[in-house]
Protein backbone atom coordinates (compact mmCIF):
# COMPACT_ATOMS: atom_id res chain seq x y z
CA UNK A 1 12.17 0.96 84.86
CA UNK A 2 9.45 -0.95 83.26
CA UNK A 3 9.87 -2.30 79.75
CA UNK A 4 6.92 -2.42 77.44
CA UNK A 5 6.81 -4.27 74.20
CA UNK A 6 5.19 -2.77 71.21
CA UNK A 7 3.28 -4.82 68.75
CA UNK A 8 3.24 -3.43 65.23
CA UNK A 9 0.00 -3.79 63.30
CA UNK A 10 0.12 -6.17 60.35
CA UNK A 11 -1.67 -5.82 57.06
CA UNK A 12 -2.40 -9.49 56.90
CA UNK A 13 -5.93 -10.47 57.63
CA UNK A 14 -6.59 -13.62 59.51
CA UNK A 15 -7.84 -16.54 57.48
CA UNK A 16 -10.62 -18.74 58.73
CA UNK A 17 -9.47 -20.61 61.74
CA UNK A 18 -7.39 -17.72 63.07
CA UNK A 19 -4.27 -18.45 60.94
CA UNK A 20 -2.67 -15.45 59.25
CA UNK A 21 -2.22 -15.66 55.46
CA UNK A 22 0.88 -14.21 53.82
CA UNK A 23 1.56 -13.78 50.06
CA UNK A 24 -0.46 -15.04 47.10
CA UNK A 25 -1.83 -18.45 46.41
CA UNK A 26 -0.70 -20.39 43.37
CA UNK A 27 -4.15 -20.06 41.81
CA UNK A 28 -4.03 -16.25 42.03
CA UNK A 29 -0.62 -16.18 40.37
CA UNK A 30 -1.79 -18.45 37.52
CA UNK A 31 -4.88 -16.33 36.87
CA UNK A 32 -2.75 -13.17 36.77
CA UNK A 33 -0.37 -14.85 34.29
CA UNK A 34 -3.25 -15.90 32.02
CA UNK A 35 -4.68 -12.36 31.99
CA UNK A 36 -1.22 -10.95 31.22
CA UNK A 37 -0.63 -13.49 28.43
CA UNK A 38 -3.98 -12.69 26.77
CA UNK A 39 -3.17 -8.98 26.90
CA UNK A 40 0.27 -9.51 25.37
CA UNK A 41 -1.17 -11.66 22.56
CA UNK A 42 -3.69 -8.93 21.81
CA UNK A 43 -0.93 -6.33 21.58
CA UNK A 44 1.14 -8.57 19.29
CA UNK A 45 -1.84 -9.15 16.97
CA UNK A 46 -2.54 -5.42 16.90
CA UNK A 47 1.08 -4.69 16.00
CA UNK A 48 1.05 -7.26 13.17
CA UNK A 49 -2.20 -5.87 11.74
CA UNK A 50 -0.83 -2.33 11.93
CA UNK A 51 2.27 -3.34 10.00
CA UNK A 52 0.10 -5.00 7.33
CA UNK A 53 -1.99 -1.86 6.92
CA UNK A 54 1.15 0.26 6.77
CA UNK A 55 2.60 -1.94 4.00
CA UNK A 56 -0.65 -1.72 2.04
CA UNK A 57 -0.73 2.08 2.41
CA UNK A 58 2.88 2.28 1.20
CA UNK A 59 2.04 0.19 -1.90
CA UNK A 60 -0.98 2.40 -2.67
CA UNK A 61 1.17 5.52 -2.36
CA UNK A 62 3.79 4.06 -4.70
CA UNK A 63 1.07 3.07 -7.19
CA UNK A 64 -0.33 6.59 -7.17
CA UNK A 65 3.14 8.05 -7.74
CA UNK A 66 3.71 5.64 -10.66
CA UNK A 67 0.31 6.47 -12.18
CA UNK A 68 1.04 10.20 -12.07
CA UNK A 69 4.49 9.48 -13.52
CA UNK A 70 2.81 7.93 -16.56
CA UNK A 71 0.37 10.83 -16.80
CA UNK A 72 3.28 13.28 -16.75
CA UNK A 73 5.06 11.27 -19.45
CA UNK A 74 1.94 11.42 -21.60
CA UNK A 75 1.47 15.14 -21.09
CA UNK A 76 5.09 16.01 -21.86
CA UNK A 77 4.95 14.23 -25.21
CA UNK A 78 3.25 17.13 -26.95
CA UNK A 79 5.44 17.55 -30.01
CA UNK A 80 3.82 16.98 -33.43
CA UNK A 81 3.52 13.29 -34.16
CA UNK A 82 1.78 13.47 -37.51
CA UNK A 83 2.04 15.66 -40.58
CA UNK A 84 -1.71 16.23 -40.61
CA UNK A 85 -2.24 19.85 -39.44
CA UNK A 86 -5.87 19.09 -38.57
CA UNK A 87 -4.92 16.58 -35.91
CA UNK A 88 -4.32 17.70 -32.37
CA UNK A 89 -0.76 16.83 -31.35
CA UNK A 90 -1.76 16.22 -27.72
CA UNK A 91 -4.48 13.81 -28.76
CA UNK A 92 -2.00 11.99 -31.01
CA UNK A 93 0.43 11.66 -28.11
CA UNK A 94 -2.25 10.35 -25.77
CA UNK A 95 -3.52 7.86 -28.35
CA UNK A 96 0.00 6.45 -28.77
CA UNK A 97 0.10 5.36 -25.13
CA UNK A 98 -3.19 3.48 -25.40
CA UNK A 99 -2.43 1.73 -28.70
CA UNK A 100 1.32 0.97 -28.46
CA UNK A 101 2.53 -2.24 -26.84
CA UNK A 102 5.52 -2.08 -24.52
CA UNK A 103 8.83 -3.20 -25.98
CA UNK A 104 9.23 -6.30 -23.81
CA UNK A 105 12.94 -6.95 -24.22
CA UNK A 106 13.55 -6.71 -20.45
CA UNK A 107 15.84 -3.68 -20.65
CA UNK A 108 15.06 -0.02 -20.22
CA UNK A 109 16.72 2.32 -22.72
CA UNK A 110 16.39 5.75 -21.12
CA UNK A 111 17.90 7.48 -24.16
CA UNK A 112 15.13 6.30 -26.49
CA UNK A 113 12.19 8.56 -27.27
CA UNK A 114 9.99 5.74 -28.58
CA UNK A 115 6.67 5.30 -26.81
CA UNK A 116 7.12 1.50 -26.68
CA UNK A 117 10.44 1.92 -24.86
CA UNK A 118 8.93 4.48 -22.50
CA UNK A 119 6.06 2.11 -21.71
CA UNK A 120 8.54 -0.68 -21.03
CA UNK A 121 10.63 1.49 -18.71
CA UNK A 122 7.47 2.43 -16.83
CA UNK A 123 6.29 -1.20 -16.62
CA UNK A 124 9.70 -2.31 -15.33
CA UNK A 125 9.49 0.41 -12.67
CA UNK A 126 5.99 -0.78 -11.75
CA UNK A 127 7.23 -4.38 -11.45
CA UNK A 128 10.21 -3.28 -9.34
CA UNK A 129 8.21 -1.05 -6.99
CA UNK A 130 4.94 -2.86 -6.32
CA UNK A 131 4.43 -6.30 -4.76
CA UNK A 132 4.13 -9.44 -6.90
CA UNK A 133 1.63 -9.87 -9.70
CA UNK A 134 1.71 -6.26 -10.89
CA UNK A 135 -0.08 -5.01 -13.95
CA UNK A 136 -0.07 -1.49 -15.37
CA UNK A 137 -2.31 -0.33 -18.21
CA UNK A 138 -3.22 2.92 -19.94
CA UNK A 139 -6.71 3.10 -21.43
CA UNK A 140 -8.94 5.74 -22.97
CA UNK A 141 -12.69 5.85 -22.51
CA UNK A 142 -14.19 7.04 -24.78
CA UNK A 143 -11.43 7.82 -27.24
CA UNK A 144 -12.78 9.36 -30.38
CA UNK A 145 -10.91 11.05 -33.18
CA UNK A 146 -12.81 14.32 -33.06
CA UNK A 147 -9.70 16.47 -32.71
CA UNK A 148 -10.63 17.59 -29.21
CA UNK A 149 -8.73 15.70 -26.50
CA UNK A 150 -10.88 17.37 -23.83
CA UNK A 151 -13.65 14.91 -24.73
CA UNK A 152 -11.45 11.93 -23.88
CA UNK A 153 -10.91 10.49 -20.41
CA UNK A 154 -7.67 8.57 -19.99
CA UNK A 155 -7.16 6.10 -17.19
CA UNK A 156 -3.94 4.68 -15.77
CA UNK A 157 -4.66 1.48 -13.84
CA UNK A 158 -2.20 -0.34 -11.61
CA UNK A 159 -3.08 -3.56 -9.82
CA UNK A 160 -1.07 -5.92 -7.66
CA UNK A 161 -1.56 -8.86 -5.32
CA UNK A 162 -0.98 -8.04 -1.69
CA UNK A 163 1.82 -10.19 -0.25
CA UNK A 164 0.18 -10.54 3.15
CA UNK A 165 -3.15 -11.78 1.80
CA UNK A 166 -2.32 -14.82 -0.33
CA UNK A 167 -5.25 -15.75 -2.55
CA UNK A 168 -6.84 -12.32 -2.18
CA UNK A 169 -8.00 -10.42 -5.25
CA UNK A 170 -5.69 -7.86 -6.84
CA UNK A 171 -5.66 -4.39 -5.31
CA UNK A 172 -6.37 -1.77 -8.00
CA UNK A 173 -5.42 1.89 -8.11
CA UNK A 174 -7.04 3.83 -10.94
CA UNK A 175 -6.22 7.41 -11.84
CA UNK A 176 -8.32 9.13 -14.48
CA UNK A 177 -7.50 12.42 -16.13
CA UNK A 178 -8.38 14.63 -19.06
CA UNK A 179 -5.61 16.35 -20.98
């Protein structure tokens, strides 16, 4: 019986000079590592930017909630504030929020019905919720004493400095409403 030997085909192509090459060269491995490293750095930068945008969106949402909280506080204060029957009680209530300074004693008395205490409680909540450098104001433009609050436009403005962008201008959120 005759024995034959089989030669299996190889996937390695001969290099110049008839020598077969196996594996990768060091240069090919280094180039692959550089391409992989650049890709990973890009993904890390994208993740960091996404987290920054997410934090900013969260702060804007909280600012909007706080602005509407103040608007609701202003609208619920509709009991008569003056003895003058010609004055509109809603307009009186709205005017109080634009002309009264917050009671800055650093404590929030939730049992008080005074506008100054209510403004302070709201400002403390703004300071606690939003990033550093917060400012909350209530303004009226134009506020006239014509007895019709529908002619007045009130604006609640909240601004803060974004933590991630040191030295950047304050980020404002303004909510305007008519009673």
